[in-house]
Amino acid sequence: METADPDRKWKRRIRFIYRKHQGRLGYRRITDTLQARGYVINKKKVLRIMKEPGLQCIA
């Protein structure tokens, strides 16, 4: 039996913001964007989630 991924909703939100800005945002600005939308999330968590699939700022 598989356990549900606790970060699934964060992964979806981070990927959405990353793609919306065509890969130009890094973990700091994605964190700022999420916090501006009212979510409580730490930049270290955003960085960890972005490293898994290899999402990086291309600027």
C-alpha atoms as a PDB file:
ATOM      1  CA  MET A   1       0.000   0.000   0.000  1.00  0.00           C
ATOM      2  CA  GLU A   2       1.384   3.392  -1.011  1.00  0.00           C
ATOM      3  CA  THR A   3       1.265   6.355   1.300  1.00  0.00           C
ATOM      4  CA  ALA A   4      -0.020   9.643  -0.054  1.00  0.00           C
ATOM      5  CA  ASP A   5       2.632  12.238  -0.848  1.00  0.00           C
ATOM      6  CA  PRO A   6       2.283  15.038   1.744  1.00  0.00           C
ATOM      7  CA  ASP A   7       3.879  17.560  -0.647  1.00  0.00           C
ATOM      8  CA  ARG A   8       1.655  16.755  -3.627  1.00  0.00           C
ATOM      9  CA  LYS A   9      -0.299  20.021  -3.461  1.00  0.00           C
ATOM     10  CA  TRP A  10       2.941  22.026  -3.124  1.00  0.00           C
ATOM     11  CA  LYS A  11       4.524  20.258  -6.087  1.00  0.00           C
ATOM     12  CA  ARG A  12       1.499  21.087  -8.218  1.00  0.00           C
ATOM     13  CA  ARG A  13       1.469  24.752  -7.168  1.00  0.00           C
ATOM     14  CA  ILE A  14       5.229  25.189  -7.639  1.00  0.00           C
ATOM     15  CA  ARG A  15       5.166  23.532 -11.076  1.00  0.00           C
ATOM     16  CA  PHE A  16       2.249  25.758 -12.112  1.00  0.00           C
ATOM     17  CA  ILE A  17       4.062  28.970 -11.109  1.00  0.00           C
ATOM     18  CA  TYR A  18       7.336  27.747 -12.657  1.00  0.00           C
ATOM     19  CA  ARG A  19       5.664  26.991 -16.009  1.00  0.00           C
ATOM     20  CA  LYS A  20       3.525  30.135 -15.953  1.00  0.00           C
ATOM     21  CA  HIS A  21       6.712  32.208 -15.794  1.00  0.00           C
ATOM     22  CA  GLN A  22       8.497  29.963 -18.328  1.00  0.00           C
ATOM     23  CA  GLY A  23      11.195  28.842 -15.884  1.00  0.00           C
ATOM     24  CA  ARG A  24      12.384  32.346 -15.076  1.00  0.00           C
ATOM     25  CA  LEU A  25      11.612  32.188 -11.360  1.00  0.00           C
ATOM     26  CA  GLY A  26      13.894  30.535  -8.836  1.00  0.00           C
ATOM     27  CA  TYR A  27      12.927  29.160  -5.449  1.00  0.00           C
ATOM     28  CA  ARG A  28      13.088  32.557  -3.726  1.00  0.00           C
ATOM     29  CA  ARG A  29      10.650  34.279  -6.080  1.00  0.00           C
ATOM     30  CA  ILE A  30       8.358  31.254  -6.195  1.00  0.00           C
ATOM     31  CA  THR A  31       8.295  31.319  -2.389  1.00  0.00           C
ATOM     32  CA  ASP A  32       7.464  35.041  -2.484  1.00  0.00           C
ATOM     33  CA  THR A  33       4.671  34.382  -4.988  1.00  0.00           C
ATOM     34  CA  LEU A  34       3.152  31.626  -2.852  1.00  0.00           C
ATOM     35  CA  GLN A  35       3.381  33.753   0.292  1.00  0.00           C
ATOM     36  CA  ALA A  36       1.754  36.699  -1.524  1.00  0.00           C
ATOM     37  CA  ARG A  37      -1.145  34.368  -2.328  1.00  0.00           C
ATOM     38  CA  GLY A  38      -1.526  33.660   1.393  1.00  0.00           C
ATOM     39  CA  TYR A  39       0.220  30.287   1.656  1.00  0.00           C
ATOM     40  CA  VAL A  40       2.614  29.612   4.512  1.00  0.00           C
ATOM     41  CA  ILE A  41       5.681  27.868   3.110  1.00  0.00           C
ATOM     42  CA  ASN A  42       9.401  28.083   3.783  1.00  0.00           C
ATOM     43  CA  LYS A  43      11.940  28.780   1.003  1.00  0.00           C
ATOM     44  CA  LYS A  44      13.893  25.663   2.008  1.00  0.00           C
ATOM     45  CA  LYS A  45      10.851  23.489   1.351  1.00  0.00           C
ATOM     46  CA  VAL A  46      10.330  25.124  -2.062  1.00  0.00           C
ATOM     47  CA  LEU A  47      14.012  24.516  -2.898  1.00  0.00           C
ATOM     48  CA  ARG A  48      13.781  20.846  -1.848  1.00  0.00           C
ATOM     49  CA  ILE A  49      10.614  20.302  -3.885  1.00  0.00           C
ATOM     50  CA  MET A  50      12.153  21.995  -6.948  1.00  0.00           C
ATOM     51  CA  LYS A  51      15.330  19.898  -6.769  1.00  0.00           C
ATOM     52  CA  GLU A  52      13.424  16.590  -7.080  1.00  0.00           C
ATOM     53  CA  PRO A  53      12.318  17.061 -10.713  1.00  0.00           C
ATOM     54  CA  GLY A  54      15.265  19.329 -11.513  1.00  0.00           C
ATOM     55  CA  LEU A  55      13.401  22.630 -11.807  1.00  0.00           C
ATOM     56  CA  GLN A  56      15.881  25.523 -11.996  1.00  0.00           C
ATOM     57  CA  CYS A  57      15.759  29.172 -12.869  1.00  0.00           C
ATOM     58  CA  ILE A  58      17.027  29.562 -16.457  1.00  0.00           C
ATOM     59  CA  ALA A  59      17.808  33.287 -16.295  1.00  0.00           C
END
